[in-house]
Amino acid sequence: MSEQTLYESERTRTQEAIGAYLRRIGDAFDSGGPVPVDEDGSVTADPPAEAEFEVEYEREDDEMSLEFEVEWPADDGATAAGDGAEEATASDDDAGVPEVEETVAAEGSNATFELYQDKADEWRWRLRHHNGNIVADSGEGYSKKANAVNGIESVKANASGAVVEEQE
């Protein structure tokens, strides 16, 4: 059978964003649950309990690469995004998937602020735990990136002292 790409993404990321993404993948392997393929977890893979794992570190001309590959027989269970998944491709101009512009990790934190533009070209932020869960988001879009960054700074400055009010 020929090769079929079920999902592909290639974007520039900070080391912190790559680390957070790899931690989410590692946590999923540790728990034996579905493994997030994309950043928001809408595309997942379900590898078997044991699979071939390859690490490749190479130089090609003036470019270095570090690649990880997990491989298992197709009849061993899992596909991305369920059986019969259509090809999904993420690129810088993909309107269906928000492009994460920047990530800001709080020092000593298990969470990362992600700053991105939505489909309407408005700036938004979300706070994502290293396990992949979104624990907070901007709730609104901002026309200017600086305003979204100010929203992040406001949460960082004000949330640590916030009181909890129980609503009935």
N, C-alpha and C. Protein backbone atom coordinates (compact mmCIF):
# COMPACT_ATOMS: atom_id res chain seq x y z
N MET A 1 0.84 -1.18 0.00
CA MET A 1 0.00 0.00 0.00
C MET A 1 0.88 1.24 0.00
N SER A 2 0.43 2.28 -0.65
CA SER A 2 1.22 3.50 -0.74
C SER A 2 1.12 4.31 0.55
N GLU A 3 2.05 5.25 0.68
CA GLU A 3 2.08 6.11 1.86
C GLU A 3 0.96 7.14 1.78
N GLN A 4 0.29 7.37 2.91
CA GLN A 4 -0.77 8.37 3.00
C GLN A 4 -0.47 9.25 4.20
N THR A 5 -0.30 10.54 3.98
CA THR A 5 -0.06 11.47 5.07
C THR A 5 -1.38 11.80 5.72
N LEU A 6 -1.51 11.51 7.01
CA LEU A 6 -2.74 11.78 7.74
C LEU A 6 -2.70 13.15 8.40
N TYR A 7 -1.52 13.64 8.71
CA TYR A 7 -1.36 14.97 9.29
C TYR A 7 0.08 15.38 9.11
N GLU A 8 0.31 16.65 8.83
CA GLU A 8 1.66 17.17 8.69
C GLU A 8 1.68 18.62 9.14
N SER A 9 2.71 18.98 9.87
CA SER A 9 2.87 20.36 10.32
C SER A 9 4.34 20.68 10.36
N GLU A 10 4.70 21.85 9.87
CA GLU A 10 6.08 22.30 9.94
C GLU A 10 6.06 23.79 10.21
N ARG A 11 6.48 24.16 11.41
CA ARG A 11 6.47 25.56 11.83
C ARG A 11 7.70 25.84 12.67
N THR A 12 8.08 27.07 12.72
CA THR A 12 9.16 27.49 13.60
C THR A 12 8.60 27.64 15.01
N ARG A 13 9.28 27.04 15.98
CA ARG A 13 8.85 27.07 17.38
C ARG A 13 10.05 27.40 18.27
N THR A 14 9.76 27.94 19.43
CA THR A 14 10.82 28.15 20.41
C THR A 14 11.16 26.81 21.04
N GLN A 15 12.31 26.75 21.71
CA GLN A 15 12.68 25.53 22.42
C GLN A 15 11.65 25.20 23.48
N GLU A 16 11.12 26.21 24.17
CA GLU A 16 10.13 25.99 25.21
C GLU A 16 8.85 25.38 24.63
N ALA A 17 8.41 25.89 23.48
CA ALA A 17 7.18 25.37 22.86
C ALA A 17 7.38 23.94 22.39
N ILE A 18 8.55 23.64 21.83
CA ILE A 18 8.84 22.26 21.41
C ILE A 18 8.85 21.35 22.62
N GLY A 19 9.50 21.80 23.71
CA GLY A 19 9.55 21.00 24.94
C GLY A 19 8.16 20.73 25.50
N ALA A 20 7.31 21.75 25.51
CA ALA A 20 5.95 21.58 26.03
C ALA A 20 5.17 20.58 25.18
N TYR A 21 5.32 20.66 23.88
CA TYR A 21 4.64 19.74 22.97
C TYR A 21 5.14 18.31 23.17
N LEU A 22 6.46 18.15 23.27
CA LEU A 22 7.01 16.81 23.49
C LEU A 22 6.61 16.25 24.86
N ARG A 23 6.48 17.12 25.88
CA ARG A 23 6.01 16.65 27.20
C ARG A 23 4.57 16.14 27.10
N ARG A 24 3.71 16.85 26.34
CA ARG A 24 2.33 16.39 26.17
C ARG A 24 2.31 15.02 25.50
N ILE A 25 3.17 14.84 24.52
CA ILE A 25 3.26 13.54 23.84
C ILE A 25 3.77 12.48 24.81
N GLY A 26 4.83 12.80 25.56
CA GLY A 26 5.38 11.86 26.53
C GLY A 26 4.38 11.48 27.60
N ASP A 27 3.62 12.46 28.10
CA ASP A 27 2.59 12.17 29.10
C ASP A 27 1.54 11.21 28.54
N ALA A 28 1.17 11.40 27.26
CA ALA A 28 0.18 10.52 26.64
C ALA A 28 0.74 9.10 26.51
N PHE A 29 2.01 8.96 26.13
CA PHE A 29 2.61 7.62 26.06
C PHE A 29 2.66 7.00 27.45
N ASP A 30 3.01 7.78 28.47
CA ASP A 30 3.07 7.25 29.84
C ASP A 30 1.71 6.73 30.30
N SER A 31 0.65 7.44 29.95
CA SER A 31 -0.69 7.05 30.41
C SER A 31 -1.33 5.97 29.54
N GLY A 32 -0.75 5.72 28.36
CA GLY A 32 -1.32 4.74 27.46
C GLY A 32 -2.55 5.24 26.72
N GLY A 33 -2.79 6.53 26.79
CA GLY A 33 -3.95 7.12 26.12
C GLY A 33 -3.62 7.57 24.72
N PRO A 34 -4.58 8.21 24.06
CA PRO A 34 -4.33 8.73 22.72
C PRO A 34 -3.21 9.77 22.75
N VAL A 35 -2.37 9.75 21.74
CA VAL A 35 -1.23 10.65 21.66
C VAL A 35 -1.61 11.85 20.79
N PRO A 36 -1.43 13.08 21.29
CA PRO A 36 -1.77 14.25 20.48
C PRO A 36 -0.82 14.38 19.30
N VAL A 37 -1.39 14.50 18.11
CA VAL A 37 -0.59 14.69 16.91
C VAL A 37 -0.45 16.17 16.61
N ASP A 38 -1.56 16.90 16.74
CA ASP A 38 -1.53 18.34 16.52
C ASP A 38 -1.50 19.05 17.87
N GLU A 39 -1.35 20.35 17.85
CA GLU A 39 -1.15 21.11 19.09
C GLU A 39 -2.38 21.21 19.97
N ASP A 40 -3.57 21.17 19.39
CA ASP A 40 -4.76 21.31 20.24
C ASP A 40 -5.40 19.97 20.58
N GLY A 41 -4.80 18.86 20.13
CA GLY A 41 -5.30 17.54 20.48
C GLY A 41 -6.50 17.08 19.69
N SER A 42 -6.86 17.80 18.62
CA SER A 42 -8.00 17.37 17.82
C SER A 42 -7.64 16.22 16.89
N VAL A 43 -6.35 16.03 16.63
CA VAL A 43 -5.87 14.87 15.87
C VAL A 43 -5.01 14.05 16.81
N THR A 44 -5.36 12.79 16.97
CA THR A 44 -4.60 11.93 17.88
C THR A 44 -4.24 10.62 17.18
N ALA A 45 -3.27 9.93 17.74
CA ALA A 45 -2.88 8.60 17.30
C ALA A 45 -2.99 7.68 18.51
N ASP A 46 -3.23 6.42 18.27
CA ASP A 46 -3.38 5.46 19.35
C ASP A 46 -2.41 4.30 19.12
N PRO A 47 -1.11 4.53 19.43
CA PRO A 47 -0.13 3.47 19.20
C PRO A 47 -0.33 2.30 20.14
N PRO A 48 0.10 1.11 19.74
CA PRO A 48 -0.02 -0.06 20.61
C PRO A 48 0.95 0.05 21.79
N ALA A 49 0.84 -0.87 22.72
CA ALA A 49 1.66 -0.86 23.93
C ALA A 49 3.15 -0.97 23.61
N GLU A 50 3.49 -1.56 22.48
CA GLU A 50 4.89 -1.70 22.08
C GLU A 50 5.01 -1.35 20.60
N ALA A 51 5.97 -0.47 20.27
CA ALA A 51 6.15 -0.02 18.89
C ALA A 51 7.64 0.22 18.64
N GLU A 52 8.02 0.25 17.37
CA GLU A 52 9.39 0.55 17.00
C GLU A 52 9.62 2.05 17.18
N PHE A 53 10.74 2.43 17.83
CA PHE A 53 11.06 3.83 18.08
C PHE A 53 12.42 4.13 17.49
N GLU A 54 12.49 5.13 16.63
CA GLU A 54 13.73 5.48 15.95
C GLU A 54 14.08 6.93 16.26
N VAL A 55 15.35 7.18 16.56
CA VAL A 55 15.87 8.53 16.75
C VAL A 55 16.97 8.72 15.71
N GLU A 56 16.89 9.82 14.99
CA GLU A 56 17.88 10.11 13.95
C GLU A 56 18.39 11.54 14.14
N TYR A 57 19.69 11.68 14.25
CA TYR A 57 20.34 12.98 14.39
C TYR A 57 21.30 13.08 13.22
N GLU A 58 21.09 14.06 12.36
CA GLU A 58 21.92 14.10 11.15
C GLU A 58 22.21 15.52 10.69
N ARG A 59 23.20 15.61 9.84
CA ARG A 59 23.56 16.86 9.20
C ARG A 59 23.42 16.65 7.70
N GLU A 60 22.75 17.61 7.05
CA GLU A 60 22.65 17.59 5.59
C GLU A 60 23.03 18.98 5.13
N ASP A 61 24.19 19.07 4.47
CA ASP A 61 24.76 20.35 4.06
C ASP A 61 24.91 21.25 5.29
N ASP A 62 24.21 22.37 5.33
CA ASP A 62 24.37 23.29 6.46
C ASP A 62 23.17 23.24 7.42
N GLU A 63 22.42 22.14 7.41
CA GLU A 63 21.24 22.01 8.26
C GLU A 63 21.35 20.76 9.13
N MET A 64 21.03 20.93 10.42
CA MET A 64 21.02 19.82 11.35
C MET A 64 19.58 19.41 11.60
N SER A 65 19.35 18.14 11.88
CA SER A 65 17.99 17.70 12.20
C SER A 65 18.04 16.62 13.27
N LEU A 66 16.99 16.62 14.07
CA LEU A 66 16.78 15.61 15.10
C LEU A 66 15.36 15.10 14.89
N GLU A 67 15.24 13.84 14.51
CA GLU A 67 13.94 13.28 14.17
C GLU A 67 13.61 12.11 15.08
N PHE A 68 12.33 12.04 15.47
CA PHE A 68 11.82 10.93 16.27
C PHE A 68 10.72 10.27 15.46
N GLU A 69 10.73 8.96 15.43
CA GLU A 69 9.70 8.24 14.69
C GLU A 69 9.24 7.04 15.50
N VAL A 70 7.93 6.90 15.62
CA VAL A 70 7.32 5.76 16.28
C VAL A 70 6.54 5.04 15.19
N GLU A 71 6.80 3.76 15.02
CA GLU A 71 6.20 3.02 13.91
C GLU A 71 5.59 1.72 14.40
N TRP A 72 4.40 1.38 13.85
CA TRP A 72 3.72 0.13 14.18
C TRP A 72 2.88 -0.29 13.00
N PRO A 73 2.53 -1.57 12.93
CA PRO A 73 1.71 -2.05 11.82
C PRO A 73 0.34 -1.37 11.80
N ALA A 74 -0.17 -1.03 10.64
CA ALA A 74 -1.45 -0.35 10.50
C ALA A 74 -2.59 -1.18 11.07
N ASP A 75 -2.49 -2.48 11.02
CA ASP A 75 -3.58 -3.32 11.54
C ASP A 75 -3.50 -3.50 13.05
N ASP A 76 -2.56 -2.80 13.71
CA ASP A 76 -2.41 -2.88 15.16
C ASP A 76 -3.26 -1.85 15.87
N GLY A 77 -4.22 -1.31 15.20
CA GLY A 77 -5.14 -0.43 15.89
C GLY A 77 -5.29 0.94 15.30
N ALA A 78 -4.35 1.74 15.39
CA ALA A 78 -4.64 3.15 15.41
C ALA A 78 -4.42 3.91 14.12
N THR A 79 -5.29 4.87 13.93
CA THR A 79 -5.09 5.88 12.89
C THR A 79 -5.20 7.23 13.55
N ALA A 80 -4.82 8.24 12.83
CA ALA A 80 -4.96 9.60 13.38
C ALA A 80 -6.40 10.05 13.16
N ALA A 81 -6.96 10.72 14.12
CA ALA A 81 -8.31 11.31 14.04
C ALA A 81 -9.37 10.29 13.71
N GLY A 82 -9.16 9.03 14.11
CA GLY A 82 -10.18 8.00 13.89
C GLY A 82 -10.03 7.30 12.55
N ASP A 83 -10.78 6.24 12.35
CA ASP A 83 -10.71 5.48 11.12
C ASP A 83 -11.16 6.32 9.95
N GLY A 84 -10.51 6.13 8.80
CA GLY A 84 -10.87 6.85 7.59
C GLY A 84 -10.53 8.32 7.68
N ALA A 85 -9.51 8.67 8.43
CA ALA A 85 -9.15 10.08 8.58
C ALA A 85 -8.76 10.67 7.25
N GLU A 86 -9.21 11.89 7.02
CA GLU A 86 -8.80 12.60 5.83
C GLU A 86 -7.46 13.23 6.09
N GLU A 87 -6.74 13.53 5.03
CA GLU A 87 -5.45 14.18 5.20
C GLU A 87 -5.65 15.56 5.79
N ALA A 88 -4.89 15.86 6.83
CA ALA A 88 -4.94 17.17 7.44
C ALA A 88 -3.55 17.77 7.36
N THR A 89 -3.44 18.97 6.87
CA THR A 89 -2.15 19.61 6.74
C THR A 89 -2.21 20.96 7.42
N ALA A 90 -1.24 21.25 8.24
CA ALA A 90 -1.16 22.56 8.88
C ALA A 90 0.02 23.31 8.29
N SER A 91 -0.22 24.53 7.90
CA SER A 91 0.85 25.36 7.38
C SER A 91 0.61 26.77 7.89
N ASP A 92 1.55 27.66 7.60
CA ASP A 92 1.42 29.02 8.09
C ASP A 92 0.19 29.72 7.57
N ASP A 93 -0.35 29.31 6.43
CA ASP A 93 -1.52 29.99 5.90
C ASP A 93 -2.80 29.17 6.05
N ASP A 94 -2.79 28.14 6.88
CA ASP A 94 -3.98 27.32 7.10
C ASP A 94 -4.96 28.09 7.96
N ALA A 95 -6.12 28.41 7.39
CA ALA A 95 -7.11 29.21 8.10
C ALA A 95 -7.86 28.39 9.13
N GLY A 96 -7.83 27.07 9.05
CA GLY A 96 -8.60 26.24 9.96
C GLY A 96 -7.92 25.98 11.29
N VAL A 97 -6.63 26.22 11.38
CA VAL A 97 -5.89 25.94 12.59
C VAL A 97 -5.20 27.22 13.03
N PRO A 98 -5.41 27.65 14.29
CA PRO A 98 -4.75 28.88 14.72
C PRO A 98 -3.25 28.71 14.70
N GLU A 99 -2.57 29.70 14.20
CA GLU A 99 -1.11 29.69 14.15
C GLU A 99 -0.59 30.23 15.47
N VAL A 100 0.19 29.44 16.18
CA VAL A 100 0.76 29.91 17.43
C VAL A 100 1.96 30.77 17.07
N GLU A 101 1.87 32.02 17.42
CA GLU A 101 2.90 32.99 17.08
C GLU A 101 4.06 32.95 18.05
N GLU A 102 3.74 32.94 19.33
CA GLU A 102 4.77 32.95 20.35
C GLU A 102 4.32 32.13 21.54
N THR A 103 5.28 31.66 22.30
CA THR A 103 4.95 31.04 23.57
C THR A 103 5.77 31.72 24.65
N VAL A 104 5.19 31.89 25.80
CA VAL A 104 5.86 32.52 26.92
C VAL A 104 5.69 31.61 28.11
N ALA A 105 6.77 30.96 28.53
CA ALA A 105 6.70 30.07 29.68
C ALA A 105 7.07 30.84 30.93
N ALA A 106 6.23 30.75 31.94
CA ALA A 106 6.54 31.37 33.21
C ALA A 106 7.65 30.57 33.88
N GLU A 107 8.61 31.26 34.45
CA GLU A 107 9.74 30.59 35.07
C GLU A 107 9.26 29.66 36.18
N GLY A 108 9.69 28.41 36.17
CA GLY A 108 9.31 27.44 37.18
C GLY A 108 7.88 26.95 37.04
N SER A 109 7.25 27.21 35.92
CA SER A 109 5.84 26.86 35.73
C SER A 109 5.69 25.59 34.92
N ASN A 110 4.55 24.93 35.12
CA ASN A 110 4.20 23.78 34.29
C ASN A 110 3.26 24.18 33.17
N ALA A 111 3.14 25.48 32.93
CA ALA A 111 2.22 25.97 31.91
C ALA A 111 2.93 26.96 31.00
N THR A 112 2.34 27.16 29.82
CA THR A 112 2.90 28.05 28.82
C THR A 112 1.79 28.92 28.25
N PHE A 113 2.02 30.21 28.14
CA PHE A 113 1.11 31.09 27.44
C PHE A 113 1.40 30.99 25.95
N GLU A 114 0.37 30.74 25.15
CA GLU A 114 0.51 30.71 23.69
C GLU A 114 -0.22 31.92 23.12
N LEU A 115 0.46 32.67 22.29
CA LEU A 115 -0.08 33.86 21.65
C LEU A 115 -0.25 33.55 20.18
N TYR A 116 -1.46 33.75 19.64
CA TYR A 116 -1.73 33.37 18.25
C TYR A 116 -2.79 34.27 17.62
N GLN A 117 -2.89 34.17 16.29
CA GLN A 117 -3.95 34.87 15.56
C GLN A 117 -5.02 33.87 15.17
N ASP A 118 -6.29 34.24 15.36
CA ASP A 118 -7.40 33.36 15.02
C ASP A 118 -7.80 33.55 13.55
N LYS A 119 -8.88 32.87 13.14
CA LYS A 119 -9.35 32.93 11.76
C LYS A 119 -9.72 34.34 11.33
N ALA A 120 -10.14 35.17 12.28
CA ALA A 120 -10.54 36.54 11.97
C ALA A 120 -9.36 37.51 12.07
N ASP A 121 -8.14 36.98 12.15
CA ASP A 121 -6.91 37.77 12.28
C ASP A 121 -6.87 38.61 13.56
N GLU A 122 -7.56 38.14 14.60
CA GLU A 122 -7.48 38.79 15.89
C GLU A 122 -6.48 38.02 16.75
N TRP A 123 -5.82 38.74 17.65
CA TRP A 123 -4.84 38.13 18.53
C TRP A 123 -5.54 37.55 19.76
N ARG A 124 -5.15 36.36 20.15
CA ARG A 124 -5.68 35.68 21.32
C ARG A 124 -4.53 35.03 22.07
N TRP A 125 -4.79 34.67 23.31
CA TRP A 125 -3.82 33.89 24.08
C TRP A 125 -4.55 32.76 24.79
N ARG A 126 -3.78 31.73 25.10
CA ARG A 126 -4.29 30.63 25.93
C ARG A 126 -3.15 30.17 26.81
N LEU A 127 -3.52 29.71 27.99
CA LEU A 127 -2.55 29.17 28.94
C LEU A 127 -2.70 27.66 28.90
N ARG A 128 -1.64 26.97 28.48
CA ARG A 128 -1.69 25.53 28.32
C ARG A 128 -0.75 24.85 29.31
N HIS A 129 -1.31 23.92 30.10
CA HIS A 129 -0.51 23.10 31.01
C HIS A 129 0.37 22.19 30.16
N HIS A 130 1.50 21.76 30.70
CA HIS A 130 2.41 20.90 29.92
C HIS A 130 1.76 19.59 29.50
N ASN A 131 0.65 19.20 30.15
CA ASN A 131 -0.04 17.97 29.74
C ASN A 131 -0.96 18.19 28.54
N GLY A 132 -1.01 19.44 28.04
CA GLY A 132 -1.81 19.74 26.86
C GLY A 132 -3.13 20.41 27.14
N ASN A 133 -3.59 20.35 28.38
CA ASN A 133 -4.88 20.95 28.71
C ASN A 133 -4.80 22.47 28.68
N ILE A 134 -5.81 23.11 28.11
CA ILE A 134 -5.91 24.56 28.15
C ILE A 134 -6.58 24.91 29.46
N VAL A 135 -5.88 25.67 30.31
CA VAL A 135 -6.41 26.00 31.62
C VAL A 135 -7.02 27.40 31.66
N ALA A 136 -6.72 28.23 30.68
CA ALA A 136 -7.32 29.57 30.60
C ALA A 136 -7.11 30.09 29.18
N ASP A 137 -7.98 31.01 28.77
CA ASP A 137 -7.78 31.68 27.48
C ASP A 137 -8.26 33.11 27.56
N SER A 138 -7.96 33.88 26.54
CA SER A 138 -8.28 35.30 26.55
C SER A 138 -9.78 35.56 26.52
N GLY A 139 -10.57 34.65 25.99
CA GLY A 139 -12.01 34.83 25.94
C GLY A 139 -12.46 35.84 24.91
N GLU A 140 -11.54 36.59 24.36
CA GLU A 140 -11.85 37.57 23.34
C GLU A 140 -10.64 37.74 22.43
N GLY A 141 -10.90 38.27 21.25
CA GLY A 141 -9.82 38.57 20.33
C GLY A 141 -9.42 40.03 20.44
N TYR A 142 -8.15 40.31 20.21
CA TYR A 142 -7.63 41.67 20.24
C TYR A 142 -7.18 42.06 18.84
N SER A 143 -7.45 43.29 18.46
CA SER A 143 -7.03 43.75 17.13
C SER A 143 -5.53 43.96 17.06
N LYS A 144 -4.89 44.21 18.21
CA LYS A 144 -3.45 44.46 18.25
C LYS A 144 -2.77 43.39 19.10
N LYS A 145 -1.65 42.93 18.61
CA LYS A 145 -0.86 41.93 19.33
C LYS A 145 -0.45 42.46 20.71
N ALA A 146 -0.09 43.73 20.78
CA ALA A 146 0.35 44.32 22.04
C ALA A 146 -0.75 44.23 23.10
N ASN A 147 -2.01 44.38 22.69
CA ASN A 147 -3.11 44.28 23.65
C ASN A 147 -3.25 42.86 24.19
N ALA A 148 -3.04 41.87 23.34
CA ALA A 148 -3.08 40.47 23.79
C ALA A 148 -1.93 40.20 24.76
N VAL A 149 -0.75 40.73 24.45
CA VAL A 149 0.40 40.57 25.35
C VAL A 149 0.09 41.25 26.68
N ASN A 150 -0.54 42.42 26.66
CA ASN A 150 -0.94 43.09 27.91
C ASN A 150 -1.91 42.23 28.71
N GLY A 151 -2.81 41.52 28.02
CA GLY A 151 -3.73 40.61 28.69
C GLY A 151 -2.99 39.50 29.42
N ILE A 152 -1.97 38.94 28.77
CA ILE A 152 -1.15 37.91 29.40
C ILE A 152 -0.47 38.49 30.64
N GLU A 153 0.14 39.65 30.49
CA GLU A 153 0.85 40.27 31.61
C GLU A 153 -0.11 40.57 32.76
N SER A 154 -1.33 40.99 32.45
CA SER A 154 -2.32 41.26 33.49
C SER A 154 -2.68 40.00 34.26
N VAL A 155 -2.87 38.89 33.55
CA VAL A 155 -3.18 37.63 34.23
C VAL A 155 -2.00 37.21 35.11
N LYS A 156 -0.79 37.32 34.59
CA LYS A 156 0.38 36.94 35.36
C LYS A 156 0.53 37.79 36.62
N ALA A 157 0.21 39.08 36.51
CA ALA A 157 0.37 39.98 37.65
C ALA A 157 -0.76 39.87 38.66
N ASN A 158 -1.98 39.62 38.18
CA ASN A 158 -3.14 39.70 39.07
C ASN A 158 -3.70 38.36 39.54
N ALA A 159 -3.47 37.29 38.81
CA ALA A 159 -4.12 36.02 39.14
C ALA A 159 -3.56 35.38 40.41
N SER A 160 -2.29 35.57 40.69
CA SER A 160 -1.70 34.88 41.84
C SER A 160 -2.34 35.32 43.16
N GLY A 161 -2.87 36.55 43.22
CA GLY A 161 -3.49 37.02 44.43
C GLY A 161 -5.01 37.01 44.38
N ALA A 162 -5.57 36.43 43.34
CA ALA A 162 -7.03 36.44 43.17
C ALA A 162 -7.71 35.58 44.23
N VAL A 163 -8.85 36.05 44.70
CA VAL A 163 -9.63 35.28 45.67
C VAL A 163 -10.57 34.35 44.91
N VAL A 164 -11.02 33.31 45.56
CA VAL A 164 -11.96 32.37 44.96
C VAL A 164 -13.34 32.67 45.54
N GLU A 165 -14.28 32.95 44.66
CA GLU A 165 -15.66 33.19 45.08
C GLU A 165 -16.50 32.04 44.58
N GLU A 166 -17.15 31.37 45.49
CA GLU A 166 -18.01 30.25 45.11
C GLU A 166 -19.38 30.79 44.67
N GLN A 167 -19.82 30.37 43.51
CA GLN A 167 -21.10 30.80 42.97
C GLN A 167 -22.13 29.69 43.19
N GLU A 168 -23.33 30.09 43.57
CA GLU A 168 -24.37 29.08 43.77
C GLU A 168 -25.41 29.16 42.70
